[in-house]
Amino acid sequence: MLRTLLLTTFLGCMMILSACTMGDEDSVIEDRQGNTLWIVPSHQDPEEQYALREVTLTSSTIVDGKPNHLDTLNVGDVITTEYTETDSSIAESITHE
């Protein structure tokens, strides 16, 4: 009984954590307003709904290995984002796929 309860709890936590992680996954830029991007996963199940994730760009965000290269990001681009350690909504670097 205890083993079943622990296994169920463990599996439940794994499902929650796997649903919440987005770092280093391919995303599509759905909207851009100034230094803010709204992205969604690039690989989507048509039966599922996805929330837009807000990503803030700063003057220190590196795009494709270059600083001050933010103007190359456009709606529809497929990107991979690495976030700062202190705030998971601020992009440290972005790479076009």
PDB file of N, CA and C in Angstrom:
ATOM      1  N   MET A   1       0.818  -1.191   0.000  1.00  0.00           N
ATOM      2  CA  MET A   1       0.000   0.000   0.000  1.00  0.00           C
ATOM      3  C   MET A   1       0.867   1.263   0.000  1.00  0.00           C
ATOM      4  N   LEU A   2       1.856   1.291   0.895  1.00  0.00           N
ATOM      5  CA  LEU A   2       2.751   2.445   0.973  1.00  0.00           C
ATOM      6  C   LEU A   2       3.558   2.587  -0.323  1.00  0.00           C
ATOM      7  N   ARG A   3       4.004   1.474  -0.863  1.00  0.00           N
ATOM      8  CA  ARG A   3       4.772   1.491  -2.107  1.00  0.00           C
ATOM      9  C   ARG A   3       3.920   2.063  -3.242  1.00  0.00           C
ATOM     10  N   THR A   4       2.668   1.673  -3.320  1.00  0.00           N
ATOM     11  CA  THR A   4       1.762   2.176  -4.360  1.00  0.00           C
ATOM     12  C   THR A   4       1.540   3.678  -4.198  1.00  0.00           C
ATOM     13  N   LEU A   5       1.360   4.126  -2.972  1.00  0.00           N
ATOM     14  CA  LEU A   5       1.152   5.551  -2.704  1.00  0.00           C
ATOM     15  C   LEU A   5       2.391   6.350  -3.104  1.00  0.00           C
ATOM     16  N   LEU A   6       3.571   5.871  -2.751  1.00  0.00           N
ATOM     17  CA  LEU A   6       4.805   6.570  -3.102  1.00  0.00           C
ATOM     18  C   LEU A   6       5.007   6.607  -4.615  1.00  0.00           C
ATOM     19  N   LEU A   7       4.739   5.504  -5.273  1.00  0.00           N
ATOM     20  CA  LEU A   7       4.891   5.450  -6.723  1.00  0.00           C
ATOM     21  C   LEU A   7       3.915   6.409  -7.405  1.00  0.00           C
ATOM     22  N   THR A   8       2.690   6.441  -6.947  1.00  0.00           N
ATOM     23  CA  THR A   8       1.682   7.345  -7.511  1.00  0.00           C
ATOM     24  C   THR A   8       2.085   8.799  -7.299  1.00  0.00           C
ATOM     25  N   THR A   9       2.571   9.129  -6.113  1.00  0.00           N
ATOM     26  CA  THR A   9       3.012  10.495  -5.827  1.00  0.00           C
ATOM     27  C   THR A   9       4.189  10.876  -6.712  1.00  0.00           C
ATOM     28  N   PHE A  10       5.143   9.970  -6.842  1.00  0.00           N
ATOM     29  CA  PHE A  10       6.313  10.226  -7.674  1.00  0.00           C
ATOM     30  C   PHE A  10       5.913  10.466  -9.126  1.00  0.00           C
ATOM     31  N   LEU A  11       5.067   9.628  -9.676  1.00  0.00           N
ATOM     32  CA  LEU A  11       4.630   9.780 -11.065  1.00  0.00           C
ATOM     33  C   LEU A  11       3.850  11.074 -11.265  1.00  0.00           C
ATOM     34  N   GLY A  12       3.029  11.428 -10.288  1.00  0.00           N
ATOM     35  CA  GLY A  12       2.284  12.685 -10.370  1.00  0.00           C
ATOM     36  C   GLY A  12       3.212  13.888 -10.408  1.00  0.00           C
ATOM     37  N   CYS A  13       4.240  13.876  -9.564  1.00  0.00           N
ATOM     38  CA  CYS A  13       5.213  14.971  -9.556  1.00  0.00           C
ATOM     39  C   CYS A  13       5.973  15.036 -10.876  1.00  0.00           C
ATOM     40  N   MET A  14       6.338  13.907 -11.430  1.00  0.00           N
ATOM     41  CA  MET A  14       7.058  13.884 -12.701  1.00  0.00           C
ATOM     42  C   MET A  14       6.210  14.461 -13.823  1.00  0.00           C
ATOM     43  N   MET A  15       4.920  14.169 -13.833  1.00  0.00           N
ATOM     44  CA  MET A  15       4.047  14.711 -14.885  1.00  0.00           C
ATOM     45  C   MET A  15       3.933  16.224 -14.744  1.00  0.00           C
ATOM     46  N   ILE A  16       3.810  16.712 -13.529  1.00  0.00           N
ATOM     47  CA  ILE A  16       3.707  18.152 -13.314  1.00  0.00           C
ATOM     48  C   ILE A  16       4.992  18.838 -13.741  1.00  0.00           C
ATOM     49  N   LEU A  17       6.139  18.309 -13.328  1.00  0.00           N
ATOM     50  CA  LEU A  17       7.411  18.923 -13.690  1.00  0.00           C
ATOM     51  C   LEU A  17       7.667  18.870 -15.187  1.00  0.00           C
ATOM     52  N   SER A  18       7.316  17.787 -15.835  1.00  0.00           N
ATOM     53  CA  SER A  18       7.555  17.700 -17.273  1.00  0.00           C
ATOM     54  C   SER A  18       6.656  18.657 -18.037  1.00  0.00           C
ATOM     55  N   ALA A  19       5.497  18.968 -17.522  1.00  0.00           N
ATOM     56  CA  ALA A  19       4.590  19.902 -18.187  1.00  0.00           C
ATOM     57  C   ALA A  19       5.049  21.342 -18.014  1.00  0.00           C
ATOM     58  N   CYS A  20       5.826  21.627 -16.984  1.00  0.00           N
ATOM     59  CA  CYS A  20       6.215  22.997 -16.680  1.00  0.00           C
ATOM     60  C   CYS A  20       7.533  23.417 -17.310  1.00  0.00           C
ATOM     61  N   THR A  21       8.362  22.502 -17.714  1.00  0.00           N
ATOM     62  CA  THR A  21       9.669  22.875 -18.227  1.00  0.00           C
ATOM     63  C   THR A  21       9.575  23.308 -19.676  1.00  0.00           C
ATOM     64  N   MET A  22      10.214  24.435 -19.978  1.00  0.00           N
ATOM     65  CA  MET A  22      10.265  24.900 -21.353  1.00  0.00           C
ATOM     66  C   MET A  22      11.661  25.306 -21.766  1.00  0.00           C
ATOM     67  N   GLY A  23      12.588  25.359 -20.859  1.00  0.00           N
ATOM     68  CA  GLY A  23      13.923  25.794 -21.202  1.00  0.00           C
ATOM     69  C   GLY A  23      14.550  24.897 -22.240  1.00  0.00           C
ATOM     70  N   ASP A  24      15.260  25.500 -23.180  1.00  0.00           N
ATOM     71  CA  ASP A  24      15.998  24.777 -24.212  1.00  0.00           C
ATOM     72  C   ASP A  24      15.101  23.932 -25.110  1.00  0.00           C
ATOM     73  N   GLU A  25      13.849  24.287 -25.266  1.00  0.00           N
ATOM     74  CA  GLU A  25      12.969  23.611 -26.208  1.00  0.00           C
ATOM     75  C   GLU A  25      12.714  24.556 -27.376  1.00  0.00           C
ATOM     76  N   ASP A  26      12.470  23.984 -28.545  1.00  0.00           N
ATOM     77  CA  ASP A  26      12.128  24.804 -29.697  1.00  0.00           C
ATOM     78  C   ASP A  26      10.786  25.483 -29.452  1.00  0.00           C
ATOM     79  N   SER A  27      10.735  26.772 -29.755  1.00  0.00           N
ATOM     80  CA  SER A  27       9.516  27.555 -29.595  1.00  0.00           C
ATOM     81  C   SER A  27       9.297  28.391 -30.845  1.00  0.00           C
ATOM     82  N   VAL A  28       8.070  28.841 -31.020  1.00  0.00           N
ATOM     83  CA  VAL A  28       7.718  29.723 -32.128  1.00  0.00           C
ATOM     84  C   VAL A  28       7.302  31.066 -31.545  1.00  0.00           C
ATOM     85  N   ILE A  29       7.819  32.138 -32.126  1.00  0.00           N
ATOM     86  CA  ILE A  29       7.427  33.479 -31.688  1.00  0.00           C
ATOM     87  C   ILE A  29       6.039  33.767 -32.245  1.00  0.00           C
ATOM     88  N   GLU A  30       5.079  33.944 -31.358  1.00  0.00           N
ATOM     89  CA  GLU A  30       3.698  34.246 -31.766  1.00  0.00           C
ATOM     90  C   GLU A  30       3.448  35.745 -31.864  1.00  0.00           C
ATOM     91  N   ASP A  31       4.141  36.527 -31.017  1.00  0.00           N
ATOM     92  CA  ASP A  31       3.949  37.974 -31.019  1.00  0.00           C
ATOM     93  C   ASP A  31       5.203  38.613 -30.449  1.00  0.00           C
ATOM     94  N   ARG A  32       5.458  39.834 -30.879  1.00  0.00           N
ATOM     95  CA  ARG A  32       6.571  40.610 -30.329  1.00  0.00           C
ATOM     96  C   ARG A  32       6.128  42.046 -30.193  1.00  0.00           C
ATOM     97  N   GLN A  33       6.343  42.594 -28.990  1.00  0.00           N
ATOM     98  CA  GLN A  33       6.054  43.997 -28.743  1.00  0.00           C
ATOM     99  C   GLN A  33       7.240  44.569 -27.993  1.00  0.00           C
ATOM    100  N   GLY A  34       8.040  45.362 -28.682  1.00  0.00           N
ATOM    101  CA  GLY A  34       9.238  45.939 -28.077  1.00  0.00           C
ATOM    102  C   GLY A  34      10.214  44.851 -27.674  1.00  0.00           C
ATOM    103  N   ASN A  35      10.556  44.815 -26.385  1.00  0.00           N
ATOM    104  CA  ASN A  35      11.509  43.831 -25.879  1.00  0.00           C
ATOM    105  C   ASN A  35      10.814  42.640 -25.226  1.00  0.00           C
ATOM    106  N   THR A  36       9.582  42.369 -25.619  1.00  0.00           N
ATOM    107  CA  THR A  36       8.849  41.234 -25.066  1.00  0.00           C
ATOM    108  C   THR A  36       8.387  40.324 -26.201  1.00  0.00           C
ATOM    109  N   LEU A  37       8.686  39.019 -26.036  1.00  0.00           N
ATOM    110  CA  LEU A  37       8.219  38.005 -26.975  1.00  0.00           C
ATOM    111  C   LEU A  37       7.157  37.162 -26.293  1.00  0.00           C
ATOM    112  N   TRP A  38       6.195  36.672 -27.058  1.00  0.00           N
ATOM    113  CA  TRP A  38       5.248  35.671 -26.579  1.00  0.00           C
ATOM    114  C   TRP A  38       5.484  34.445 -27.450  1.00  0.00           C
ATOM    115  N   ILE A  39       5.835  33.333 -26.789  1.00  0.00           N
ATOM    116  CA  ILE A  39       6.210  32.123 -27.518  1.00  0.00           C
ATOM    117  C   ILE A  39       5.327  30.943 -27.114  1.00  0.00           C
ATOM    118  N   VAL A  40       5.283  29.948 -28.004  1.00  0.00           N
ATOM    119  CA  VAL A  40       4.599  28.676 -27.748  1.00  0.00           C
ATOM    120  C   VAL A  40       5.522  27.556 -28.217  1.00  0.00           C
ATOM    121  N   PRO A  41       5.325  26.326 -27.725  1.00  0.00           N
ATOM    122  CA  PRO A  41       6.150  25.211 -28.204  1.00  0.00           C
ATOM    123  C   PRO A  41       5.989  25.029 -29.711  1.00  0.00           C
ATOM    124  N   SER A  42       7.075  24.701 -30.391  1.00  0.00           N
ATOM    125  CA  SER A  42       6.996  24.536 -31.848  1.00  0.00           C
ATOM    126  C   SER A  42       6.334  23.219 -32.236  1.00  0.00           C
ATOM    127  N   HIS A  43       6.419  22.222 -31.369  1.00  0.00           N
ATOM    128  CA  HIS A  43       5.784  20.927 -31.639  1.00  0.00           C
ATOM    129  C   HIS A  43       4.551  20.832 -30.763  1.00  0.00           C
ATOM    130  N   GLN A  44       3.391  20.909 -31.395  1.00  0.00           N
ATOM    131  CA  GLN A  44       2.142  20.929 -30.648  1.00  0.00           C
ATOM    132  C   GLN A  44       1.216  19.818 -31.092  1.00  0.00           C
ATOM    133  N   ASP A  45       0.487  19.301 -30.145  1.00  0.00           N
ATOM    134  CA  ASP A  45      -0.569  18.331 -30.411  1.00  0.00           C
ATOM    135  C   ASP A  45      -1.824  19.138 -30.752  1.00  0.00           C
ATOM    136  N   PRO A  46      -2.432  18.914 -31.911  1.00  0.00           N
ATOM    137  CA  PRO A  46      -3.612  19.697 -32.310  1.00  0.00           C
ATOM    138  C   PRO A  46      -4.777  19.579 -31.322  1.00  0.00           C
ATOM    139  N   GLU A  47      -4.785  18.539 -30.510  1.00  0.00           N
ATOM    140  CA  GLU A  47      -5.856  18.341 -29.536  1.00  0.00           C
ATOM    141  C   GLU A  47      -5.626  19.116 -28.242  1.00  0.00           C
ATOM    142  N   GLU A  48      -4.436  19.666 -28.049  1.00  0.00           N
ATOM    143  CA  GLU A  48      -4.083  20.360 -26.817  1.00  0.00           C
ATOM    144  C   GLU A  48      -4.150  21.871 -27.003  1.00  0.00           C
ATOM    145  N   GLN A  49      -4.277  22.582 -25.890  1.00  0.00           N
ATOM    146  CA  GLN A  49      -4.209  24.036 -25.888  1.00  0.00           C
ATOM    147  C   GLN A  49      -2.916  24.436 -25.186  1.00  0.00           C
ATOM    148  N   TYR A  50      -2.286  25.485 -25.662  1.00  0.00           N
ATOM    149  CA  TYR A  50      -1.026  25.933 -25.103  1.00  0.00           C
ATOM    150  C   TYR A  50      -1.129  27.397 -24.711  1.00  0.00           C
ATOM    151  N   ALA A  51      -0.592  27.720 -23.550  1.00  0.00           N
ATOM    152  CA  ALA A  51      -0.573  29.106 -23.093  1.00  0.00           C
ATOM    153  C   ALA A  51       0.645  29.799 -23.681  1.00  0.00           C
ATOM    154  N   LEU A  52       0.488  31.072 -24.007  1.00  0.00           N
ATOM    155  CA  LEU A  52       1.626  31.857 -24.458  1.00  0.00           C
ATOM    156  C   LEU A  52       2.560  32.082 -23.280  1.00  0.00           C
ATOM    157  N   ARG A  53       3.849  31.990 -23.528  1.00  0.00           N
ATOM    158  CA  ARG A  53       4.842  32.256 -22.493  1.00  0.00           C
ATOM    159  C   ARG A  53       5.509  33.589 -22.819  1.00  0.00           C
ATOM    160  N   GLU A  54       5.576  34.468 -21.838  1.00  0.00           N
ATOM    161  CA  GLU A  54       6.176  35.782 -22.025  1.00  0.00           C
ATOM    162  C   GLU A  54       7.676  35.705 -21.748  1.00  0.00           C
ATOM    163  N   VAL A  55       8.466  36.225 -22.683  1.00  0.00           N
ATOM    164  CA  VAL A  55       9.920  36.233 -22.550  1.00  0.00           C
ATOM    165  C   VAL A  55      10.400  37.671 -22.717  1.00  0.00           C
ATOM    166  N   THR A  56      11.174  38.143 -21.768  1.00  0.00           N
ATOM    167  CA  THR A  56      11.707  39.499 -21.806  1.00  0.00           C
ATOM    168  C   THR A  56      13.121  39.483 -22.361  1.00  0.00           C
ATOM    169  N   LEU A  57      13.369  40.374 -23.311  1.00  0.00           N
ATOM    170  CA  LEU A  57      14.699  40.540 -23.887  1.00  0.00           C
ATOM    171  C   LEU A  57      15.357  41.739 -23.215  1.00  0.00           C
ATOM    172  N   THR A  58      16.648  41.646 -22.955  1.00  0.00           N
ATOM    173  CA  THR A  58      17.389  42.759 -22.360  1.00  0.00           C
ATOM    174  C   THR A  58      18.528  43.146 -23.284  1.00  0.00           C
ATOM    175  N   SER A  59      19.217  44.207 -22.934  1.00  0.00           N
ATOM    176  CA  SER A  59      20.360  44.629 -23.753  1.00  0.00           C
ATOM    177  C   SER A  59      21.493  43.610 -23.705  1.00  0.00           C
ATOM    178  N   SER A  60      21.468  42.717 -22.719  1.00  0.00           N
ATOM    179  CA  SER A  60      22.520  41.696 -22.628  1.00  0.00           C
ATOM    180  C   SER A  60      22.099  40.352 -23.230  1.00  0.00           C
ATOM    181  N   THR A  61      20.882  40.267 -23.796  1.00  0.00           N
ATOM    182  CA  THR A  61      20.448  39.031 -24.451  1.00  0.00           C
ATOM    183  C   THR A  61      21.267  38.813 -25.723  1.00  0.00           C
ATOM    184  N   ILE A  62      21.835  37.628 -25.848  1.00  0.00           N
ATOM    185  CA  ILE A  62      22.650  37.272 -27.003  1.00  0.00           C
ATOM    186  C   ILE A  62      21.757  36.521 -28.000  1.00  0.00           C
ATOM    187  N   VAL A  63      21.735  36.974 -29.262  1.00  0.00           N
ATOM    188  CA  VAL A  63      20.949  36.314 -30.306  1.00  0.00           C
ATOM    189  C   VAL A  63      21.916  35.772 -31.356  1.00  0.00           C
ATOM    190  N   ASP A  64      21.858  34.467 -31.565  1.00  0.00           N
ATOM    191  CA  ASP A  64      22.733  33.795 -32.534  1.00  0.00           C
ATOM    192  C   ASP A  64      24.210  34.129 -32.293  1.00  0.00           C
ATOM    193  N   GLY A  65      24.584  34.219 -31.025  1.00  0.00           N
ATOM    194  CA  GLY A  65      25.984  34.452 -30.669  1.00  0.00           C
ATOM    195  C   GLY A  65      26.430  35.895 -30.743  1.00  0.00           C
ATOM    196  N   LYS A  66      25.521  36.812 -31.051  1.00  0.00           N
ATOM    197  CA  LYS A  66      25.901  38.218 -31.201  1.00  0.00           C
ATOM    198  C   LYS A  66      25.122  39.093 -30.219  1.00  0.00           C
ATOM    199  N   PRO A  67      25.794  40.024 -29.548  1.00  0.00           N
ATOM    200  CA  PRO A  67      25.072  40.977 -28.698  1.00  0.00           C
ATOM    201  C   PRO A  67      24.379  42.032 -29.566  1.00  0.00           C
ATOM    202  N   ASN A  68      23.354  42.671 -29.021  1.00  0.00           N
ATOM    203  CA  ASN A  68      22.609  43.730 -29.722  1.00  0.00           C
ATOM    204  C   ASN A  68      22.122  43.288 -31.092  1.00  0.00           C
ATOM    205  N   HIS A  69      21.611  42.069 -31.162  1.00  0.00           N
ATOM    206  CA  HIS A  69      21.152  41.474 -32.425  1.00  0.00           C
ATOM    207  C   HIS A  69      19.645  41.163 -32.338  1.00  0.00           C
ATOM    208  N   LEU A  70      18.926  41.917 -31.485  1.00  0.00           N
ATOM    209  CA  LEU A  70      17.519  41.628 -31.204  1.00  0.00           C
ATOM    210  C   LEU A  70      16.603  41.871 -32.401  1.00  0.00           C
ATOM    211  N   ASP A  71      17.017  42.736 -33.331  1.00  0.00           N
ATOM    212  CA  ASP A  71      16.159  43.067 -34.473  1.00  0.00           C
ATOM    213  C   ASP A  71      15.980  41.897 -35.437  1.00  0.00           C
ATOM    214  N   THR A  72      16.752  40.841 -35.295  1.00  0.00           N
ATOM    215  CA  THR A  72      16.615  39.687 -36.184  1.00  0.00           C
ATOM    216  C   THR A  72      15.479  38.761 -35.768  1.00  0.00           C
ATOM    217  N   LEU A  73      14.869  38.999 -34.605  1.00  0.00           N
ATOM    218  CA  LEU A  73      13.777  38.152 -34.122  1.00  0.00           C
ATOM    219  C   LEU A  73      12.448  38.644 -34.670  1.00  0.00           C
ATOM    220  N   ASN A  74      11.722  37.740 -35.344  1.00  0.00           N
ATOM    221  CA  ASN A  74      10.447  38.100 -35.961  1.00  0.00           C
ATOM    222  C   ASN A  74       9.375  37.083 -35.616  1.00  0.00           C
ATOM    223  N   VAL A  75       8.124  37.501 -35.719  1.00  0.00           N
ATOM    224  CA  VAL A  75       6.990  36.601 -35.505  1.00  0.00           C
ATOM    225  C   VAL A  75       7.096  35.442 -36.493  1.00  0.00           C
ATOM    226  N   GLY A  76       6.904  34.223 -35.990  1.00  0.00           N
ATOM    227  CA  GLY A  76       6.987  33.027 -36.816  1.00  0.00           C
ATOM    228  C   GLY A  76       8.330  32.322 -36.759  1.00  0.00           C
ATOM    229  N   ASP A  77       9.357  32.983 -36.220  1.00  0.00           N
ATOM    230  CA  ASP A  77      10.677  32.359 -36.105  1.00  0.00           C
ATOM    231  C   ASP A  77      10.630  31.207 -35.105  1.00  0.00           C
ATOM    232  N   VAL A  78      11.357  30.134 -35.423  1.00  0.00           N
ATOM    233  CA  VAL A  78      11.532  29.017 -34.496  1.00  0.00           C
ATOM    234  C   VAL A  78      12.840  29.270 -33.763  1.00  0.00           C
ATOM    235  N   ILE A  79      12.779  29.308 -32.435  1.00  0.00           N
ATOM    236  CA  ILE A  79      13.942  29.664 -31.634  1.00  0.00           C
ATOM    237  C   ILE A  79      14.121  28.690 -30.469  1.00  0.00           C
ATOM    238  N   THR A  80      15.331  28.677 -29.932  1.00  0.00           N
ATOM    239  CA  THR A  80      15.630  27.993 -28.689  1.00  0.00           C
ATOM    240  C   THR A  80      16.114  29.064 -27.718  1.00  0.00           C
ATOM    241  N   THR A  81      15.546  29.085 -26.521  1.00  0.00           N
ATOM    242  CA  THR A  81      15.844  30.122 -25.552  1.00  0.00           C
ATOM    243  C   THR A  81      16.510  29.540 -24.319  1.00  0.00           C
ATOM    244  N   GLU A  82      17.571  30.188 -23.870  1.00  0.00           N
ATOM    245  CA  GLU A  82      18.178  29.874 -22.584  1.00  0.00           C
ATOM    246  C   GLU A  82      17.874  31.047 -21.670  1.00  0.00           C
ATOM    247  N   TYR A  83      17.399  30.738 -20.469  1.00  0.00           N
ATOM    248  CA  TYR A  83      16.959  31.766 -19.543  1.00  0.00           C
ATOM    249  C   TYR A  83      18.031  32.060 -18.501  1.00  0.00           C
ATOM    250  N   THR A  84      17.969  33.253 -17.893  1.00  0.00           N
ATOM    251  CA  THR A  84      18.900  33.595 -16.830  1.00  0.00           C
ATOM    252  C   THR A  84      18.633  32.714 -15.619  1.00  0.00           C
ATOM    253  N   GLU A  85      19.638  32.535 -14.799  1.00  0.00           N
ATOM    254  CA  GLU A  85      19.489  31.704 -13.604  1.00  0.00           C
ATOM    255  C   GLU A  85      18.568  32.358 -12.581  1.00  0.00           C
ATOM    256  N   THR A  86      18.511  33.669 -12.574  1.00  0.00           N
ATOM    257  CA  THR A  86      17.733  34.366 -11.546  1.00  0.00           C
ATOM    258  C   THR A  86      16.269  34.553 -11.900  1.00  0.00           C
ATOM    259  N   ASP A  87      15.934  34.544 -13.210  1.00  0.00           N
ATOM    260  CA  ASP A  87      14.547  34.793 -13.607  1.00  0.00           C
ATOM    261  C   ASP A  87      14.256  34.007 -14.886  1.00  0.00           C
ATOM    262  N   SER A  88      13.319  33.061 -14.784  1.00  0.00           N
ATOM    263  CA  SER A  88      13.029  32.198 -15.937  1.00  0.00           C
ATOM    264  C   SER A  88      12.162  32.878 -16.994  1.00  0.00           C
ATOM    265  N   SER A  89      11.937  34.178 -16.886  1.00  0.00           N
ATOM    266  CA  SER A  89      11.217  34.886 -17.939  1.00  0.00           C
ATOM    267  C   SER A  89      12.132  35.823 -18.715  1.00  0.00           C
ATOM    268  N   ILE A  90      13.399  35.912 -18.327  1.00  0.00           N
ATOM    269  CA  ILE A  90      14.355  36.777 -19.010  1.00  0.00           C
ATOM    270  C   ILE A  90      15.309  35.908 -19.836  1.00  0.00           C
ATOM    271  N   ALA A  91      15.401  36.221 -21.123  1.00  0.00           N
ATOM    272  CA  ALA A  91      16.239  35.436 -22.032  1.00  0.00           C
ATOM    273  C   ALA A  91      17.695  35.849 -21.894  1.00  0.00           C
ATOM    274  N   GLU A  92      18.543  34.853 -21.655  1.00  0.00           N
ATOM    275  CA  GLU A  92      19.990  35.104 -21.637  1.00  0.00           C
ATOM    276  C   GLU A  92      20.553  35.000 -23.052  1.00  0.00           C
ATOM    277  N   SER A  93      20.088  33.960 -23.784  1.00  0.00           N
ATOM    278  CA  SER A  93      20.494  33.810 -25.169  1.00  0.00           C
ATOM    279  C   SER A  93      19.392  33.135 -25.969  1.00  0.00           C
ATOM    280  N   ILE A  94      19.365  33.459 -27.260  1.00  0.00           N
ATOM    281  CA  ILE A  94      18.365  32.913 -28.182  1.00  0.00           C
ATOM    282  C   ILE A  94      19.094  32.469 -29.440  1.00  0.00           C
ATOM    283  N   THR A  95      18.707  31.307 -29.944  1.00  0.00           N
ATOM    284  CA  THR A  95      19.286  30.784 -31.176  1.00  0.00           C
ATOM    285  C   THR A  95      18.168  30.485 -32.155  1.00  0.00           C
ATOM    286  N   HIS A  96      18.311  30.958 -33.392  1.00  0.00           N
ATOM    287  CA  HIS A  96      17.360  30.600 -34.449  1.00  0.00           C
ATOM    288  C   HIS A  96      17.596  29.142 -34.848  1.00  0.00           C
ATOM    289  N   GLU A  97      16.531  28.445 -35.125  1.00  0.00           N
ATOM    290  CA  GLU A  97      16.648  27.049 -35.572  1.00  0.00           C
ATOM    291  C   GLU A  97      16.582  27.000 -37.083  1.00  0.00           C
TER     292      GLU A  97
END
